[in-house]
Amino acid sequence: MDDDVPRLLRGTPEPARTRASEPSARVPGEPAAGGPPAAAPARAAGGLPAAEDVQTLRLSRATAKAAGGILDLVMPMRVGGDGPPLFCAHPLVGLSWCYLALLPHVDARYPLYGLQARGLRRPEPLPTSIEEMACDYANQIRMTQPSGPYHLLGMSLGGNIAFAIAEELERRDQQIGLLVILDSTLVDLDAIEVEPWAIYNLVLAQFGYVPAVSPTEPAPEERMLELVRRRPGLGLDGWPDQRLLALQRVIRNNVAVARVHRPGRVHCPVLFFSATRNPPTLAEKLESWGSFVDGPIEAVEMDSRHRQMLLPEPMARLGPALSNRMARAAAAIRSPVFGGTRLASHREAR
């Protein structure tokens, strides 16, 4: 799939566009890279979105296009390579398309897989807890990689899910080689916005649309559908209304299970990437995570906002740091048992 990643993912600038052609609608709330909606971003002069926010919308469009509409529970982003695979847990939106931004920056020796939510390809029961979700994803991971050590990554709510998967795998006596967290928090999740307008804006922004549903909109669902149909060719083009509504159902369920989840403890090394332009401080973040981790925590500070961590400039630092740490994790756990680990062709559990 990485051969088809658009130039935006590789950091190549788009052709110049006039200011009048950029999105100009007011953004009442913007998601943090697929996570809970954050405060409205800063806007440049003339009422236009700030340059980094335009970049974020473009990146979302690029990753949605590169994903090709894949809704499988395990999305192979890159297969092959002689290193251990990295499994990426989806953020709040339920899809792992955003992680396609990793491909140009993470060493090609490491296969990359994205874990995606149930309920999008077809109607089916949704998990009633993060624990149930983690158990399901652990099963899916082990169908792809039958034995450990396992390497996990998550951003925003994906970090919480990756943490819960690590807990589940350790309960099964499986080793976690590395847990990679992209600026997630394990506490205060009851602050996640649950208003319908915010959920609809999350959907829009994740797929490259200007999130322009107002908190005072009397019919936010209809407004979201109108915005999608008005811009053919973007990430949700061709999705029937039923699937769009299913996506909202998945997001609402992810919010519900996250708000009541109470994490346990893991016993593995953690690599923590911190967006320094958002509070709290790195020291406060690490103090919080230290309560849940019985293992070394290595931190890398990123000069970016949370929602912009996957843009090419931050990724130019994140990718090599992640690749280096993966190499050290693989070297530390290399053994005859791990050397015999086989990657199986993935077949979804029914």
Protein backbone atom coordinates (compact mmCIF):
# COMPACT_ATOMS: atom_id res chain seq x y z
CA MET A 1 0.00 0.00 0.00
CA ASP A 2 2.89 2.38 0.68
CA ASP A 3 3.64 2.60 -3.04
CA ASP A 4 0.32 4.39 -3.46
CA VAL A 5 0.73 6.92 -0.67
CA PRO A 6 0.21 10.40 -2.14
CA ARG A 7 3.04 12.92 -2.17
CA LEU A 8 1.44 14.78 0.74
CA LEU A 9 2.36 11.90 3.04
CA ARG A 10 5.94 12.17 1.87
CA GLY A 11 6.11 15.85 2.72
CA THR A 12 6.09 17.12 -0.88
CA PRO A 13 4.29 20.47 -1.06
CA GLU A 14 1.09 20.79 -3.03
CA PRO A 15 0.98 23.22 -5.94
CA ALA A 16 0.31 26.75 -4.75
CA ARG A 17 -3.34 27.60 -4.19
CA THR A 18 -4.97 30.97 -3.89
CA ARG A 19 -6.10 32.07 -0.45
CA ALA A 20 -9.65 32.25 -1.73
CA SER A 21 -9.58 28.53 -2.49
CA GLU A 22 -8.73 27.50 1.06
CA PRO A 23 -11.45 26.45 3.53
CA SER A 24 -12.98 29.48 5.16
CA ALA A 25 -15.82 28.16 7.30
CA ARG A 26 -15.53 28.66 11.04
CA VAL A 27 -14.30 25.56 12.85
CA PRO A 28 -16.25 25.25 16.10
CA GLY A 29 -14.25 22.25 17.30
CA GLU A 30 -11.41 20.20 15.87
CA PRO A 31 -10.33 16.68 16.74
CA ALA A 32 -6.92 15.99 18.15
CA ALA A 33 -5.59 13.75 15.36
CA GLY A 34 -8.57 11.45 15.53
CA GLY A 35 -9.10 11.91 19.26
CA PRO A 36 -11.54 13.97 21.26
CA PRO A 37 -12.50 17.36 19.84
CA ALA A 38 -10.25 20.16 21.02
CA ALA A 39 -10.65 23.89 21.17
CA ALA A 40 -11.06 25.74 17.90
CA PRO A 41 -7.66 26.20 16.21
CA ALA A 42 -6.04 29.53 15.71
CA ARG A 43 -6.96 31.23 12.47
CA ALA A 44 -4.88 33.33 10.18
CA ALA A 45 -5.75 36.82 9.05
CA GLY A 46 -8.80 37.11 6.83
CA GLY A 47 -10.76 34.45 8.73
CA LEU A 48 -8.90 31.54 7.13
CA PRO A 49 -7.58 28.51 9.02
CA ALA A 50 -3.98 28.78 10.18
CA ALA A 51 -1.44 27.20 7.82
CA GLU A 52 -0.87 24.14 10.03
CA ASP A 53 -4.62 23.51 10.22
CA VAL A 54 -4.87 23.59 6.43
CA GLN A 55 -1.96 21.14 6.33
CA THR A 56 -3.82 18.87 8.74
CA LEU A 57 -6.93 18.88 6.54
CA ARG A 58 -4.80 18.10 3.49
CA LEU A 59 -3.06 15.26 5.30
CA SER A 60 -6.43 13.81 6.31
CA ARG A 61 -7.54 13.91 2.68
CA ALA A 62 -4.31 12.24 1.59
CA THR A 63 -4.49 9.40 4.11
CA ALA A 64 -8.17 8.79 3.34
CA LYS A 65 -7.35 8.56 -0.36
CA ALA A 66 -4.39 6.25 0.27
CA ALA A 67 -6.48 3.95 2.47
CA GLY A 68 -8.81 3.21 -0.42
CA GLY A 69 -11.80 2.70 1.85
CA ILE A 70 -10.36 -0.32 3.69
CA LEU A 71 -12.53 -1.19 6.69
CA ASP A 72 -10.98 -4.55 7.66
CA LEU A 73 -10.37 -5.13 11.35
CA VAL A 74 -6.66 -5.46 10.57
CA MET A 75 -5.47 -3.17 7.79
CA PRO A 76 -2.08 -4.17 6.33
CA MET A 77 -0.33 -0.87 5.70
CA ARG A 78 3.04 -2.45 4.93
CA VAL A 79 3.89 -6.15 4.83
CA GLY A 80 7.27 -7.81 4.44
CA GLY A 81 10.48 -6.71 6.08
CA ASP A 82 12.67 -8.64 8.49
CA GLY A 83 11.75 -6.72 11.65
CA PRO A 84 8.91 -7.25 14.10
CA PRO A 85 5.55 -5.80 13.03
CA LEU A 86 4.07 -2.73 14.65
CA PHE A 87 0.32 -2.85 15.38
CA CYS A 88 -1.36 0.57 15.50
CA ALA A 89 -4.57 0.97 17.52
CA HIS A 90 -7.18 3.24 15.99
CA PRO A 91 -7.99 6.63 17.55
CA LEU A 92 -11.49 7.72 18.51
CA VAL A 93 -12.81 7.71 14.94
CA GLY A 94 -12.39 3.91 14.77
CA LEU A 95 -10.19 3.82 11.66
CA SER A 96 -6.40 3.62 11.39
CA TRP A 97 -6.07 5.46 8.10
CA CYS A 98 -4.21 8.32 9.82
CA TYR A 99 -1.25 6.00 10.49
CA LEU A 100 -0.47 5.80 6.78
CA ALA A 101 1.49 8.97 7.54
CA LEU A 102 4.05 6.70 9.26
CA LEU A 103 4.99 4.88 6.08
CA PRO A 104 7.53 7.30 4.58
CA HIS A 105 9.20 7.89 7.94
CA VAL A 106 9.41 4.51 9.72
CA ASP A 107 12.12 2.09 8.60
CA ALA A 108 10.83 -0.26 5.90
CA ARG A 109 12.08 -3.30 7.76
CA TYR A 110 9.07 -3.04 10.09
CA PRO A 111 5.67 -4.24 8.84
CA LEU A 112 2.83 -1.92 9.86
CA TYR A 113 -0.76 -2.93 10.61
CA GLY A 114 -3.73 -0.81 11.64
CA LEU A 115 -6.42 -2.09 13.99
CA GLN A 116 -9.93 -0.87 13.11
CA ALA A 117 -13.30 -0.90 14.82
CA ARG A 118 -16.12 -3.31 14.28
CA GLY A 119 -19.48 -2.06 13.02
CA LEU A 120 -18.34 -0.26 9.88
CA ARG A 121 -18.27 -3.00 7.24
CA ARG A 122 -21.54 -4.48 8.41
CA PRO A 123 -23.98 -4.14 11.29
CA GLU A 124 -22.71 -6.03 14.33
CA PRO A 125 -22.59 -5.63 18.11
CA LEU A 126 -20.05 -3.10 19.35
CA PRO A 127 -17.78 -3.73 22.36
CA THR A 128 -19.26 -2.77 25.70
CA SER A 129 -15.90 -1.92 27.27
CA ILE A 130 -12.29 -1.13 26.42
CA GLU A 131 -11.41 -4.52 27.94
CA GLU A 132 -13.70 -6.32 25.48
CA MET A 133 -12.26 -4.28 22.62
CA ALA A 134 -8.69 -5.11 23.70
CA CYS A 135 -9.49 -8.82 23.92
CA ASP A 136 -10.89 -8.76 20.38
CA TYR A 137 -7.89 -6.88 19.01
CA ALA A 138 -5.47 -9.18 20.82
CA ASN A 139 -7.14 -12.10 19.06
CA GLN A 140 -6.81 -10.35 15.70
CA ILE A 141 -3.16 -9.53 16.34
CA ARG A 142 -2.33 -13.14 17.21
CA MET A 143 -3.94 -14.33 13.98
CA THR A 144 -1.41 -12.14 12.16
CA GLN A 145 1.54 -12.76 14.51
CA PRO A 146 0.94 -16.00 16.44
CA SER A 147 3.55 -15.38 19.13
CA GLY A 148 5.31 -12.45 20.72
CA PRO A 149 7.03 -10.27 21.57
CA TYR A 150 4.48 -7.73 20.35
CA HIS A 151 4.98 -4.09 19.45
CA LEU A 152 2.03 -1.72 19.81
CA LEU A 153 1.37 1.95 18.99
CA GLY A 154 -1.50 4.31 19.57
CA MET A 155 -2.29 8.01 19.27
CA SER A 156 -4.97 9.88 21.23
CA LEU A 157 -7.55 7.29 22.29
CA GLY A 158 -5.50 4.78 20.31
CA GLY A 159 -2.88 5.04 23.04
CA ASN A 160 -5.44 3.96 25.62
CA ILE A 161 -6.51 1.07 23.42
CA ALA A 162 -2.89 0.01 22.76
CA PHE A 163 -2.28 0.10 26.53
CA ALA A 164 -5.33 -2.12 27.13
CA ILE A 165 -4.15 -4.54 24.42
CA ALA A 166 -0.77 -4.72 26.15
CA GLU A 167 -2.56 -5.53 29.41
CA GLU A 168 -4.56 -8.27 27.69
CA LEU A 169 -1.54 -9.83 25.98
CA GLU A 170 0.42 -9.83 29.24
CA ARG A 171 -2.52 -11.58 30.91
CA ARG A 172 -1.99 -14.29 28.29
CA ASP A 173 1.68 -14.52 29.28
CA GLN A 174 2.80 -12.82 26.07
CA GLN A 175 5.72 -10.40 26.06
CA ILE A 176 5.38 -6.80 24.93
CA GLY A 177 8.54 -5.69 23.16
CA LEU A 178 7.55 -2.02 23.03
CA LEU A 179 4.48 0.11 23.71
CA VAL A 180 4.56 3.38 21.73
CA ILE A 181 2.28 6.19 22.91
CA LEU A 182 1.69 9.32 20.83
CA ASP A 183 0.68 11.96 23.37
CA SER A 184 -2.21 10.04 24.98
CA THR A 185 -3.55 10.34 28.50
CA LEU A 186 -4.94 7.60 30.72
CA VAL A 187 -6.82 9.97 33.01
CA ASP A 188 -9.62 12.55 32.77
CA LEU A 189 -11.26 10.86 29.80
CA ASP A 190 -14.65 11.94 31.07
CA ALA A 191 -13.79 15.31 29.52
CA ILE A 192 -14.22 13.90 25.99
CA GLU A 193 -16.85 15.93 24.15
CA VAL A 194 -20.02 13.94 23.48
CA GLU A 195 -22.31 16.59 21.95
CA PRO A 196 -23.63 15.51 18.51
CA TRP A 197 -22.19 18.55 16.72
CA ALA A 198 -18.72 17.71 18.05
CA ILE A 199 -18.98 14.09 16.92
CA TYR A 200 -20.05 15.17 13.43
CA ASN A 201 -17.15 17.63 13.23
CA LEU A 202 -14.79 14.85 14.29
CA VAL A 203 -16.01 12.74 11.36
CA LEU A 204 -15.64 15.63 8.93
CA ALA A 205 -12.13 16.65 10.02
CA GLN A 206 -10.82 13.09 10.10
CA PHE A 207 -11.61 12.71 6.40
CA GLY A 208 -10.37 16.11 5.25
CA TYR A 209 -13.56 18.16 5.31
CA VAL A 210 -13.80 21.52 7.03
CA PRO A 211 -15.57 20.71 10.34
CA ALA A 212 -18.27 23.34 10.03
CA VAL A 213 -21.19 22.03 12.10
CA SER A 214 -22.09 24.71 14.62
CA PRO A 215 -23.04 23.97 18.25
CA THR A 216 -26.31 25.82 17.55
CA GLU A 217 -27.13 23.81 14.41
CA PRO A 218 -30.73 22.56 14.81
CA ALA A 219 -30.13 19.50 12.59
CA PRO A 220 -26.43 18.58 12.92
CA GLU A 221 -26.77 15.16 11.28
CA GLU A 222 -28.35 16.62 8.16
CA ARG A 223 -25.74 19.38 8.11
CA MET A 224 -22.90 16.86 8.22
CA LEU A 225 -24.38 14.84 5.36
CA GLU A 226 -24.84 18.04 3.37
CA LEU A 227 -21.18 19.00 3.86
CA VAL A 228 -20.05 15.54 2.73
CA ARG A 229 -22.23 15.51 -0.39
CA ARG A 230 -21.13 19.03 -1.27
CA ARG A 231 -17.47 17.94 -1.64
CA PRO A 232 -17.24 14.89 -3.92
CA GLY A 233 -13.86 13.26 -4.20
CA LEU A 234 -12.89 13.45 -0.52
CA GLY A 235 -12.61 10.61 1.99
CA LEU A 236 -16.30 9.87 2.45
CA ASP A 237 -17.27 10.19 -1.18
CA GLY A 238 -19.36 7.20 -2.17
CA TRP A 239 -20.20 6.20 1.40
CA PRO A 240 -23.93 5.59 1.75
CA ASP A 241 -25.75 7.48 4.48
CA GLN A 242 -26.12 4.24 6.42
CA ARG A 243 -22.35 3.80 6.66
CA LEU A 244 -21.82 7.42 7.66
CA LEU A 245 -24.33 6.96 10.45
CA ALA A 246 -22.59 3.70 11.44
CA LEU A 247 -19.34 5.63 11.75
CA GLN A 248 -21.01 8.06 14.14
CA ARG A 249 -22.36 5.10 16.13
CA VAL A 250 -18.84 3.66 16.42
CA ILE A 251 -17.45 7.00 17.61
CA ARG A 252 -20.21 7.45 20.19
CA ASN A 253 -19.54 3.95 21.48
CA ASN A 254 -15.80 4.60 21.67
CA VAL A 255 -16.51 7.73 23.70
CA ALA A 256 -18.85 5.83 26.03
CA VAL A 257 -16.45 2.96 26.79
CA ALA A 258 -13.46 5.31 27.13
CA ARG A 259 -15.18 7.55 29.67
CA VAL A 260 -15.76 4.67 32.11
CA HIS A 261 -12.56 2.72 31.51
CA ARG A 262 -10.07 2.36 34.34
CA PRO A 263 -6.64 1.16 33.16
CA GLY A 264 -4.58 -1.38 35.02
CA ARG A 265 -0.81 -1.78 34.83
CA VAL A 266 1.64 -3.02 32.21
CA HIS A 267 5.14 -4.43 32.61
CA CYS A 268 6.94 -3.37 29.45
CA PRO A 269 9.09 -0.60 27.98
CA VAL A 270 7.21 2.50 26.79
CA LEU A 271 8.24 5.07 24.20
CA PHE A 272 6.26 8.27 24.80
CA PHE A 273 6.05 11.07 22.24
CA SER A 274 4.89 14.35 23.78
CA ALA A 275 3.47 17.31 21.84
CA THR A 276 5.03 20.23 23.66
CA ARG A 277 2.68 22.94 22.35
CA ASN A 278 -0.21 21.49 24.33
CA PRO A 279 -0.50 21.21 28.13
CA PRO A 280 0.25 19.53 30.42
CA THR A 281 4.03 19.58 30.65
CA LEU A 282 6.12 16.53 29.78
CA ALA A 283 6.96 16.04 33.47
CA GLU A 284 3.26 15.98 34.35
CA LYS A 285 2.50 13.54 31.55
CA LEU A 286 5.28 11.17 32.60
CA GLU A 287 4.23 11.35 36.24
CA SER A 288 0.74 10.29 35.22
CA TRP A 289 1.93 7.44 33.02
CA GLY A 290 4.40 6.25 35.66
CA SER A 291 1.45 5.23 37.83
CA PHE A 292 0.43 2.65 35.24
CA VAL A 293 3.76 1.40 33.87
CA ASP A 294 6.13 -1.03 35.57
CA GLY A 295 8.93 -0.61 33.07
CA PRO A 296 11.23 2.04 31.57
CA ILE A 297 9.58 5.07 29.94
CA GLU A 298 11.61 6.87 27.29
CA ALA A 299 10.26 10.27 26.19
CA VAL A 300 10.70 12.24 22.98
CA GLU A 301 9.48 15.84 22.86
CA MET A 302 7.82 17.01 19.64
CA ASP A 303 7.64 20.71 18.80
CA SER A 304 4.05 20.53 17.58
CA ARG A 305 0.46 20.55 18.68
CA HIS A 306 -1.16 17.22 19.38
CA ARG A 307 -3.40 17.26 16.33
CA GLN A 308 -0.42 18.06 14.07
CA MET A 309 1.98 15.32 15.19
CA LEU A 310 1.53 13.30 12.00
CA LEU A 311 2.37 16.17 9.66
CA PRO A 312 5.59 15.70 7.64
CA GLU A 313 7.76 18.07 9.70
CA PRO A 314 7.05 16.44 13.11
CA MET A 315 7.16 13.01 11.47
CA ALA A 316 10.70 13.74 10.26
CA ARG A 317 11.68 13.55 13.96
CA LEU A 318 9.15 10.99 15.13
CA GLY A 319 9.83 8.40 12.43
CA PRO A 320 13.59 7.99 12.96
CA ALA A 321 13.18 8.04 16.77
CA LEU A 322 10.55 5.30 16.53
CA SER A 323 12.65 3.26 14.09
CA ASN A 324 15.70 3.51 16.34
CA ARG A 325 13.74 2.42 19.41
CA MET A 326 12.15 -0.46 17.49
CA ALA A 327 15.63 -1.61 16.48
CA ARG A 328 16.81 -1.55 20.09
CA ALA A 329 13.68 -3.38 21.26
CA ALA A 330 14.15 -6.06 18.60
CA ALA A 331 17.82 -6.47 19.52
CA ALA A 332 17.00 -6.78 23.22
CA ILE A 333 14.48 -9.55 22.70
CA ARG A 334 16.13 -11.43 19.85
CA SER A 335 16.20 -15.11 20.75
CA PRO A 336 15.64 -18.52 19.10
CA VAL A 337 12.01 -18.34 20.16
CA PHE A 338 11.48 -14.90 18.67
CA GLY A 339 13.54 -15.79 15.64
CA GLY A 340 11.01 -18.49 14.93
CA THR A 341 8.05 -16.15 15.11
CA ARG A 342 5.94 -16.47 12.00
CA LEU A 343 3.62 -13.86 10.56
CA ALA A 344 0.42 -15.55 9.53
CA SER A 345 -1.92 -14.40 6.80
CA HIS A 346 -4.67 -12.56 8.62
CA ARG A 347 -8.15 -14.01 8.62
CA GLU A 348 -10.71 -12.14 10.65
CA ALA A 349 -12.32 -14.01 13.54
CA ARG A 350 -16.03 -14.29 12.96
